[in-house]
Amino acid sequence: MDLLKMGQQLLGDKLGDNAGGMMEALTGLTSGEGLDLGGITEKLKAGGMGAQLESFLGDGENQEISEEQVKSAFGEEGIANVANKLGVDTDTAATQLKDVLPGLLDKASSGGNLMDSLTAGGGAGGLLGMAKGLLGK
């Protein structure tokens, strides 16, 4: 299934008509172009959410994250960018991100690994870069 279609379907289930806006907003969370789930996972890990991230990527239950953790991981500027794209305030943007990211990462992964097509660089290089980041190498 195409990444954007999968993401929009998942987001549509959670956000209704605003799913397309959230997909666009997610593309601006990292310095890469497009929907960079590898970059998003890097920011979550750097923000101290390694255990929660493992739960999203693994096959078990997803642990919850808070709005404050999301704000910390993506910074004021990142959350403000999402809020601007969605036409909401930063608190609402953080709430929507904390609700959407666990499910999106869970659906995009299998057994702890993001699918190759979900990395910003695509191909083996993008996957290798993401894996190095997740492993701290």
Protein backbone atom coordinates (compact mmCIF):
# COMPACT_ATOMS: atom_id res chain seq x y z
CA MET A 1 0.00 0.00 0.00
CA ASP A 2 1.28 3.49 -0.84
CA LEU A 3 2.63 5.38 2.19
CA LEU A 4 0.53 8.48 1.71
CA LYS A 5 -2.65 6.50 1.16
CA MET A 6 -1.97 4.39 4.24
CA GLY A 7 -1.24 7.49 6.30
CA GLN A 8 -4.30 9.33 5.06
CA GLN A 9 -6.51 6.32 5.76
CA LEU A 10 -5.19 6.04 9.31
CA LEU A 11 -5.44 9.77 9.87
CA GLY A 12 -8.88 9.87 8.30
CA ASP A 13 -10.06 7.35 10.86
CA LYS A 14 -8.73 9.58 13.66
CA LEU A 15 -9.27 13.09 12.30
CA GLY A 16 -12.01 12.89 9.70
CA ASP A 17 -11.87 15.69 7.13
CA ASN A 18 -8.61 17.13 8.48
CA ALA A 19 -6.53 14.04 7.59
CA GLY A 20 -5.00 15.58 4.48
CA GLY A 21 -3.94 18.61 6.48
CA MET A 22 -2.27 16.42 9.08
CA MET A 23 -0.37 14.53 6.39
CA GLU A 24 0.94 17.83 5.04
CA ALA A 25 1.75 19.00 8.57
CA LEU A 26 3.68 15.80 9.31
CA THR A 27 5.91 16.44 6.30
CA GLY A 28 7.20 19.59 8.01
CA LEU A 29 8.24 17.98 11.31
CA THR A 30 11.74 17.13 10.13
CA SER A 31 14.37 18.76 7.98
CA GLY A 32 13.84 16.20 5.25
CA GLU A 33 11.41 16.40 2.38
CA GLY A 34 8.20 14.43 2.29
CA LEU A 35 6.91 12.26 5.09
CA ASP A 36 10.15 11.31 6.88
CA LEU A 37 9.09 8.74 9.46
CA GLY A 38 12.74 7.91 10.09
CA GLY A 39 13.33 11.55 11.01
CA ILE A 40 10.22 11.59 13.20
CA THR A 41 11.42 8.49 15.06
CA GLU A 42 14.82 10.16 15.55
CA LYS A 43 13.19 13.19 17.17
CA LEU A 44 11.02 11.03 19.43
CA LYS A 45 14.05 9.03 20.54
CA ALA A 46 16.12 12.17 21.12
CA GLY A 47 13.18 13.54 23.13
CA GLY A 48 13.50 10.69 25.61
CA MET A 49 10.70 8.52 24.25
CA GLY A 50 12.76 5.47 23.33
CA ALA A 51 10.56 3.04 25.26
CA GLN A 52 7.37 4.45 23.78
CA LEU A 53 8.93 4.44 20.32
CA GLU A 54 9.81 0.76 20.69
CA SER A 55 6.18 0.06 21.57
CA PHE A 56 4.98 1.91 18.44
CA LEU A 57 7.37 0.05 16.17
CA GLY A 58 6.92 -3.33 17.84
CA ASP A 59 3.98 -5.67 17.58
CA GLY A 60 2.51 -5.13 21.08
CA GLU A 61 0.40 -2.40 22.65
CA ASN A 62 1.42 1.20 22.00
CA GLN A 63 2.43 3.15 25.07
CA GLU A 64 0.90 6.59 25.45
CA ILE A 65 2.79 9.83 25.00
CA SER A 66 1.83 13.25 26.32
CA GLU A 67 1.42 16.60 24.65
CA GLU A 68 4.41 17.86 26.64
CA GLN A 69 6.59 15.02 25.35
CA VAL A 70 5.55 15.81 21.78
CA LYS A 71 6.33 19.51 22.30
CA SER A 72 9.70 18.63 23.77
CA ALA A 73 10.61 16.27 20.93
CA PHE A 74 9.67 18.57 18.06
CA GLY A 75 10.29 21.95 19.68
CA GLU A 76 8.20 25.08 19.63
CA GLU A 77 8.98 25.77 15.98
CA GLY A 78 7.99 22.27 14.83
CA ILE A 79 4.72 22.34 16.75
CA ALA A 80 4.01 25.89 15.51
CA ASN A 81 4.54 24.72 11.91
CA VAL A 82 2.06 21.88 12.42
CA ALA A 83 -0.42 24.25 14.08
CA ASN A 84 -0.16 26.73 11.19
CA LYS A 85 -0.73 24.02 8.59
CA LEU A 86 -3.73 22.69 10.51
CA GLY A 87 -5.15 26.10 11.42
CA VAL A 88 -5.19 25.28 15.14
CA ASP A 89 -3.33 26.45 18.23
CA THR A 90 -0.13 24.73 19.37
CA ASP A 91 -1.82 22.83 22.21
CA THR A 92 -4.35 21.33 19.80
CA ALA A 93 -1.58 20.47 17.33
CA ALA A 94 0.39 18.68 20.08
CA THR A 95 -2.73 16.78 21.14
CA GLN A 96 -3.41 15.67 17.58
CA LEU A 97 0.21 14.59 17.11
CA LYS A 98 0.22 12.56 20.34
CA ASP A 99 -2.96 10.83 19.15
CA VAL A 100 -1.79 10.18 15.58
CA LEU A 101 1.93 9.37 15.75
CA PRO A 102 1.75 6.10 17.72
CA GLY A 103 -0.77 4.56 15.32
CA LEU A 104 0.96 5.87 12.20
CA LEU A 105 4.34 4.50 13.27
CA ASP A 106 2.72 1.23 14.38
CA LYS A 107 1.01 0.76 11.02
CA ALA A 108 4.20 1.68 9.15
CA SER A 109 6.32 -0.86 10.97
CA SER A 110 6.52 -4.57 11.35
CA GLY A 111 8.43 -6.26 14.12
CA GLY A 112 10.24 -3.06 15.07
CA ASN A 113 11.31 -1.85 11.61
CA LEU A 114 9.91 0.89 9.43
CA MET A 115 9.26 -0.20 5.88
CA ASP A 116 11.89 0.89 3.35
CA SER A 117 9.50 3.13 1.44
CA LEU A 118 8.72 5.19 4.53
CA THR A 119 12.15 6.75 4.93
CA ALA A 120 12.85 10.15 3.47
CA GLY A 121 15.77 8.95 1.37
CA GLY A 122 14.04 5.77 0.31
CA GLY A 123 16.09 2.81 -0.82
CA ALA A 124 18.81 1.16 1.19
CA GLY A 125 20.56 4.44 2.02
CA GLY A 126 17.51 5.93 3.73
CA LEU A 127 16.83 2.74 5.64
CA LEU A 128 20.47 2.41 6.66
CA GLY A 129 20.52 6.00 7.92
CA MET A 130 17.38 5.43 9.96
CA ALA A 131 18.71 2.18 11.40
CA LYS A 132 22.01 3.83 12.38
CA GLY A 133 20.09 6.58 14.14
CA LEU A 134 17.85 4.20 16.02
CA LEU A 135 20.80 2.10 17.10
CA GLY A 136 22.77 5.17 18.16
CA LYS A 137 25.68 4.52 15.74
